[in-house]
Amino acid sequence: MTILVIAEHDNAQLKGATLNTIAAAAKLGGDVHVLVAGSGAKAAADQAAQAAGVAKVLLADGPALAEGLAENVAAQVLAIAGNYSHILFPATAAGKNVAPRVAAKLDVAQISDILSVESADTFTRPIYAGNAIATVQSADAVKVVTVRTTAFDPVAAQGGAAAVEALDAVADSGKSSFVGREVAKSDRPELAGATVVVSGGRGLGSAENFKILDPLADKLGAALGASRAAVDAGYAPNDWQVGQTGKIVAPQLYVAVGISGAIQHLAGMKDSKVIVAINKDAEAPIFGVADYGLVADLFQAVPELVQAL
């Protein structure tokens, strides 16, 4: 049994989600190969080769793969899919874009957002916004799986010594073209991989009031997040959204400020190691998952907390 992990990278550097996905692949018990599909991506392939538990790295380097267009990456995966019993993707925006295309072309059922590996053909995954966990068994010859990265501790980034093997890169499919990319730059940690997250909700009342969280995030070295209600109201940018339709996070510390705790939001953060909630409504659902709760006016409590820190 040989497992293929599709690496997420920016051509220069391997993304952390890849290490979590390798950890999930290792639990299947076979050899783990990593596909790095990109352009000028030798550095990313070398990093993948150093990850613990990787037996081989496959580097497909060509201009058609430079921007990670889903159609081209899927074609690259399909070119070698016959050699593998399992194909694993991180359940990120990029992984979710490519995996269904691969599954459809292979005529298999995709197994999405797995939380654990029970055996080579059996996995668990959340349903009903995480309120129930389904055990899924697949009889497909090739299993196409997306991995909820927060459910698996990453393998060590150093210590491995896998060989890097070059593959022939696929030609451009012609089905899509890269127009441009707008990257939000921030001095703060990336939300999905941050160890501390401070999130604000509708209770903050405005985009201007949302800035009250900045000093707290600075003190804690935290990434900033937001509930869907806050994003929809224009208080925070879309890429800060935490929840079922946003980013799934599981930091060491999650501070929820002015967030009532709608089920959609809880699905994205309830696996955090320690949850602190600040809300003036003592009946807010967020207190049901919080390890520490403070029933108080956030406009008074947050500055006092910053001062105490």
Protein backbone atom coordinates (compact mmCIF):
# COMPACT_ATOMS: atom_id res chain seq x y z
CA MET A 1 0.00 0.00 0.00
CA THR A 2 1.42 3.35 -1.08
CA ILE A 3 -0.12 6.72 -0.18
CA LEU A 4 0.25 9.94 -2.15
CA VAL A 5 0.10 13.30 -0.34
CA ILE A 6 -0.46 16.38 -2.47
CA ALA A 7 1.79 19.10 -1.08
CA GLU A 8 0.58 22.63 -0.56
CA HIS A 9 3.29 25.21 -1.23
CA ASP A 10 4.08 28.54 -2.85
CA ASN A 11 6.89 27.11 -5.01
CA ALA A 12 9.48 28.46 -2.56
CA GLN A 13 8.23 27.02 0.69
CA LEU A 14 6.15 24.10 1.91
CA LYS A 15 2.95 25.08 3.74
CA GLY A 16 2.42 23.72 7.24
CA ALA A 17 -0.80 21.95 6.21
CA THR A 18 1.31 19.48 4.24
CA LEU A 19 3.00 18.24 7.42
CA ASN A 20 -0.39 17.59 9.05
CA THR A 21 -1.53 15.68 5.97
CA ILE A 22 1.63 13.57 6.00
CA ALA A 23 0.83 12.72 9.63
CA ALA A 24 -2.60 11.46 8.57
CA ALA A 25 -1.05 9.46 5.73
CA ALA A 26 1.43 7.84 8.12
CA LYS A 27 -1.45 6.38 10.13
CA LEU A 28 -2.49 4.33 7.09
CA GLY A 29 0.61 2.20 7.48
CA GLY A 30 2.11 2.27 3.97
CA ASP A 31 4.87 4.15 2.19
CA VAL A 32 4.16 7.87 1.96
CA HIS A 33 5.03 9.72 -1.25
CA VAL A 34 4.62 13.50 -1.61
CA LEU A 35 3.78 15.20 -4.91
CA VAL A 36 5.10 18.74 -5.30
CA ALA A 37 3.51 20.22 -8.43
CA GLY A 38 4.70 23.72 -9.31
CA SER A 39 7.23 25.77 -11.22
CA GLY A 40 10.69 26.46 -9.84
CA ALA A 41 9.58 24.41 -6.84
CA LYS A 42 12.80 22.51 -6.11
CA ALA A 43 13.16 24.27 -2.73
CA ALA A 44 9.68 23.14 -1.68
CA ALA A 45 10.44 19.58 -2.83
CA ASP A 46 13.66 19.55 -0.80
CA GLN A 47 11.71 20.64 2.28
CA ALA A 48 9.19 17.86 1.71
CA ALA A 49 12.04 15.37 1.46
CA GLN A 50 13.21 16.38 4.95
CA ALA A 51 9.78 15.78 6.55
CA ALA A 52 9.64 12.80 8.87
CA GLY A 53 7.99 9.68 7.46
CA VAL A 54 8.27 10.54 3.76
CA ALA A 55 9.64 7.74 1.57
CA LYS A 56 9.80 9.64 -1.74
CA VAL A 57 9.10 13.09 -3.15
CA LEU A 58 7.83 13.49 -6.71
CA LEU A 59 8.59 16.86 -8.28
CA ALA A 60 6.51 17.93 -11.28
CA ASP A 61 8.01 21.21 -12.40
CA GLY A 62 6.52 23.07 -15.34
CA PRO A 63 5.01 26.43 -16.34
CA ALA A 64 1.46 25.04 -16.41
CA LEU A 65 1.74 24.31 -12.69
CA ALA A 66 3.21 27.66 -11.65
CA GLU A 67 0.02 29.14 -10.18
CA GLY A 68 -1.59 25.94 -8.90
CA LEU A 69 -4.57 26.06 -11.29
CA ALA A 70 -6.88 23.28 -10.16
CA GLU A 71 -7.42 21.78 -13.62
CA ASN A 72 -3.69 21.42 -14.25
CA VAL A 73 -2.82 20.13 -10.78
CA ALA A 74 -5.65 17.58 -11.01
CA ALA A 75 -4.29 16.39 -14.36
CA GLN A 76 -0.85 15.97 -12.79
CA VAL A 77 -2.30 13.92 -9.94
CA LEU A 78 -4.31 11.77 -12.34
CA ALA A 79 -1.20 11.04 -14.39
CA ILE A 80 0.21 9.02 -11.48
CA ALA A 81 -2.95 8.12 -9.54
CA GLY A 82 -2.86 4.51 -10.70
CA ASN A 83 0.22 3.85 -8.56
CA TYR A 84 -1.52 4.65 -5.28
CA SER A 85 -4.15 3.20 -2.97
CA HIS A 86 -4.84 6.54 -1.25
CA ILE A 87 -4.52 10.16 -2.41
CA LEU A 88 -4.59 12.70 0.41
CA PHE A 89 -5.09 16.46 0.20
CA PRO A 90 -5.14 19.04 3.01
CA ALA A 91 -8.73 20.27 3.51
CA THR A 92 -7.70 23.82 2.63
CA ALA A 93 -9.05 26.06 -0.12
CA ALA A 94 -6.45 24.66 -2.54
CA GLY A 95 -7.00 21.03 -1.55
CA LYS A 96 -10.78 21.33 -1.73
CA ASN A 97 -10.43 22.81 -5.22
CA VAL A 98 -8.42 19.91 -6.66
CA ALA A 99 -9.61 16.80 -4.77
CA PRO A 100 -13.18 16.67 -6.18
CA ARG A 101 -11.83 16.89 -9.72
CA VAL A 102 -9.52 13.95 -9.07
CA ALA A 103 -12.27 11.91 -7.41
CA ALA A 104 -14.71 12.59 -10.25
CA LYS A 105 -12.20 11.57 -12.93
CA LEU A 106 -11.39 8.38 -11.01
CA ASP A 107 -15.14 7.74 -10.53
CA VAL A 108 -14.76 7.31 -6.76
CA ALA A 109 -16.48 8.91 -3.78
CA GLN A 110 -14.39 11.57 -2.08
CA ILE A 111 -13.99 11.19 1.69
CA SER A 112 -13.98 14.74 3.02
CA ASP A 113 -12.49 16.44 6.06
CA ILE A 114 -11.38 13.35 7.97
CA LEU A 115 -10.69 13.61 11.69
CA SER A 116 -9.07 10.21 12.22
CA VAL A 117 -7.87 7.09 10.43
CA GLU A 118 -9.50 3.97 11.86
CA SER A 119 -8.05 1.58 9.26
CA ALA A 120 -6.94 1.61 5.63
CA ASP A 121 -10.55 1.89 4.44
CA THR A 122 -12.32 3.48 7.42
CA PHE A 123 -12.25 7.10 8.58
CA THR A 124 -14.20 9.48 10.79
CA ARG A 125 -15.46 12.86 9.64
CA PRO A 126 -17.75 15.57 11.09
CA ILE A 127 -21.33 16.00 9.93
CA TYR A 128 -24.11 18.42 10.98
CA ALA A 129 -21.59 21.22 11.58
CA GLY A 130 -19.53 18.97 13.82
CA ASN A 131 -22.40 17.98 16.11
CA ALA A 132 -22.05 14.35 15.05
CA ILE A 133 -19.09 12.28 13.90
CA ALA A 134 -19.67 9.80 11.07
CA THR A 135 -17.58 6.69 10.54
CA VAL A 136 -17.13 6.17 6.80
CA GLN A 137 -15.90 2.98 5.13
CA SER A 138 -14.91 2.99 1.47
CA ALA A 139 -14.64 0.04 -0.92
CA ASP A 140 -13.18 2.16 -3.73
CA ALA A 141 -9.91 0.93 -5.21
CA VAL A 142 -8.39 4.40 -4.84
CA LYS A 143 -9.44 6.50 -1.89
CA VAL A 144 -9.43 10.26 -2.41
CA VAL A 145 -9.34 11.94 0.99
CA THR A 146 -9.19 15.49 2.33
CA VAL A 147 -7.69 15.90 5.80
CA ARG A 148 -8.81 18.35 8.47
CA THR A 149 -5.33 19.51 9.36
CA THR A 150 -6.21 20.61 12.90
CA ALA A 151 -7.10 17.00 13.77
CA PHE A 152 -3.53 15.71 13.19
CA ASP A 153 -0.35 16.94 14.83
CA PRO A 154 2.22 17.77 12.13
CA VAL A 155 5.18 15.50 11.55
CA ALA A 156 8.63 16.91 12.20
CA ALA A 157 9.79 19.21 9.42
CA GLN A 158 13.35 17.91 9.80
CA GLY A 159 14.82 14.45 10.14
CA GLY A 160 13.77 12.80 6.91
CA ALA A 161 16.01 12.03 3.95
CA ALA A 162 13.70 11.05 1.09
CA ALA A 163 14.85 11.00 -2.53
CA VAL A 164 13.43 13.62 -4.91
CA GLU A 165 12.33 12.15 -8.24
CA ALA A 166 11.49 14.35 -11.22
CA LEU A 167 8.26 13.77 -13.15
CA ASP A 168 7.20 14.99 -16.57
CA ALA A 169 4.93 17.99 -15.93
CA VAL A 170 1.56 18.06 -17.65
CA ALA A 171 0.76 20.55 -20.38
CA ASP A 172 -1.66 23.41 -19.77
CA SER A 173 -5.25 22.15 -19.97
CA GLY A 174 -6.40 25.44 -21.48
CA LYS A 175 -9.53 25.33 -19.30
CA SER A 176 -8.52 28.23 -17.07
CA SER A 177 -5.92 30.95 -16.93
CA PHE A 178 -4.24 32.86 -14.15
CA VAL A 179 -5.25 36.52 -14.07
CA GLY A 180 -3.80 37.84 -10.82
CA ARG A 181 -3.47 37.39 -7.09
CA GLU A 182 -4.04 39.84 -4.27
CA VAL A 183 -2.23 38.72 -1.16
CA ALA A 184 -3.13 40.28 2.18
CA LYS A 185 0.12 41.00 4.01
CA SER A 186 0.24 41.14 7.79
CA ASP A 187 2.82 41.10 10.54
CA ARG A 188 0.52 38.82 12.51
CA PRO A 189 0.66 35.00 12.31
CA GLU A 190 -1.39 33.24 9.65
CA LEU A 191 -4.84 32.53 11.07
CA ALA A 192 -5.07 28.85 10.13
CA GLY A 193 -1.73 27.97 11.74
CA ALA A 194 -1.57 30.41 14.66
CA THR A 195 -1.04 29.11 18.20
CA VAL A 196 -3.11 31.99 19.63
CA VAL A 197 -6.22 33.50 18.01
CA VAL A 198 -8.24 36.51 19.16
CA SER A 199 -11.65 36.67 17.44
CA GLY A 200 -14.34 39.32 17.51
CA GLY A 201 -18.04 39.07 16.84
CA ARG A 202 -21.10 41.18 16.17
CA GLY A 203 -20.97 42.43 19.76
CA LEU A 204 -18.14 44.79 18.80
CA GLY A 205 -20.67 46.89 16.90
CA SER A 206 -18.50 48.40 14.14
CA ALA A 207 -15.29 48.10 12.16
CA GLU A 208 -13.86 50.97 14.22
CA ASN A 209 -14.67 49.20 17.48
CA PHE A 210 -13.04 46.02 16.13
CA LYS A 211 -9.70 47.76 16.52
CA ILE A 212 -10.04 47.35 20.29
CA LEU A 213 -8.76 43.81 19.72
CA ASP A 214 -5.45 44.95 18.19
CA PRO A 215 -3.61 45.66 21.47
CA LEU A 216 -4.77 42.30 22.90
CA ALA A 217 -3.61 40.43 19.81
CA ASP A 218 -0.28 42.30 19.93
CA LYS A 219 0.25 41.36 23.58
CA LEU A 220 -0.51 37.69 22.91
CA GLY A 221 1.27 37.46 19.56
CA ALA A 222 -2.06 36.31 18.15
CA ALA A 223 -3.76 36.14 14.79
CA LEU A 224 -7.03 38.03 14.45
CA GLY A 225 -10.25 36.21 13.56
CA ALA A 226 -13.93 37.04 13.31
CA SER A 227 -17.33 35.42 13.36
CA ARG A 228 -19.38 35.21 10.19
CA ALA A 229 -21.78 37.83 11.59
CA ALA A 230 -18.89 40.28 12.04
CA VAL A 231 -17.59 39.62 8.53
CA ASP A 232 -21.06 39.95 6.98
CA ALA A 233 -21.52 43.25 8.80
CA GLY A 234 -18.25 44.55 7.36
CA TYR A 235 -16.41 44.72 10.68
CA ALA A 236 -13.60 42.43 9.50
CA PRO A 237 -12.24 41.11 6.18
CA ASN A 238 -13.48 37.83 4.77
CA ASP A 239 -10.16 36.02 5.26
CA TRP A 240 -10.50 36.45 9.03
CA GLN A 241 -13.70 34.40 9.21
CA VAL A 242 -13.58 31.41 11.54
CA GLY A 243 -16.26 28.77 11.23
CA GLN A 244 -17.82 26.10 9.09
CA THR A 245 -17.81 28.38 6.04
CA GLY A 246 -14.55 30.07 7.03
CA LYS A 247 -11.30 28.73 8.46
CA ILE A 248 -11.06 25.80 10.84
CA VAL A 249 -8.64 26.61 13.65
CA ALA A 250 -7.38 24.73 16.70
CA PRO A 251 -4.87 27.00 18.45
CA GLN A 252 -3.48 26.54 21.94
CA LEU A 253 -5.52 29.58 23.03
CA TYR A 254 -8.69 30.98 21.43
CA VAL A 255 -10.13 34.23 22.81
CA ALA A 256 -13.71 34.92 21.67
CA VAL A 257 -14.78 38.51 22.24
CA GLY A 258 -18.38 39.56 21.68
CA ILE A 259 -19.17 36.25 19.96
CA SER A 260 -22.45 34.61 20.92
CA GLY A 261 -21.37 31.19 19.66
CA ALA A 262 -23.56 30.27 16.68
CA ILE A 263 -23.18 26.64 15.65
CA GLN A 264 -21.47 27.72 12.43
CA HIS A 265 -18.73 29.46 14.42
CA LEU A 266 -18.34 26.73 17.02
CA ALA A 267 -17.71 24.18 14.26
CA GLY A 268 -14.57 26.10 13.30
CA MET A 269 -12.93 26.59 16.71
CA LYS A 270 -14.25 24.19 19.33
CA ASP A 271 -11.17 21.94 19.03
CA SER A 272 -8.99 24.77 20.42
CA LYS A 273 -7.00 23.63 23.45
CA VAL A 274 -8.12 26.51 25.74
CA ILE A 275 -11.12 28.72 24.94
CA VAL A 276 -11.71 32.05 26.69
CA ALA A 277 -15.02 33.84 26.11
CA ILE A 278 -15.91 37.46 26.93
CA ASN A 279 -19.59 38.32 26.48
CA LYS A 280 -22.14 40.36 28.42
CA ASP A 281 -24.87 37.73 27.78
CA ALA A 282 -24.50 35.02 30.42
CA GLU A 283 -26.72 32.72 28.31
CA ALA A 284 -24.56 32.95 25.18
CA PRO A 285 -23.85 29.48 23.69
CA ILE A 286 -20.12 30.28 23.55
CA PHE A 287 -19.94 29.70 27.29
CA GLY A 288 -20.98 26.09 26.69
CA VAL A 289 -17.62 25.32 25.05
CA ALA A 290 -15.44 27.87 26.86
CA ASP A 291 -12.87 26.76 29.45
CA TYR A 292 -12.94 30.25 30.95
CA GLY A 293 -15.84 32.67 30.65
CA LEU A 294 -16.13 36.31 31.63
CA VAL A 295 -19.61 37.86 31.70
CA ALA A 296 -18.73 41.52 31.23
CA ASP A 297 -18.88 44.50 28.92
CA LEU A 298 -16.12 43.79 26.39
CA PHE A 299 -15.35 47.51 26.00
CA GLN A 300 -14.32 47.58 29.64
CA ALA A 301 -12.95 44.04 29.99
CA VAL A 302 -10.62 43.99 26.96
CA PRO A 303 -8.63 47.14 27.88
CA GLU A 304 -8.38 45.90 31.46
CA LEU A 305 -7.09 42.53 30.22
CA VAL A 306 -4.50 44.24 27.99
CA GLN A 307 -3.36 46.32 30.95
CA ALA A 308 -3.09 43.24 33.16
CA LEU A 309 -0.99 41.45 30.56
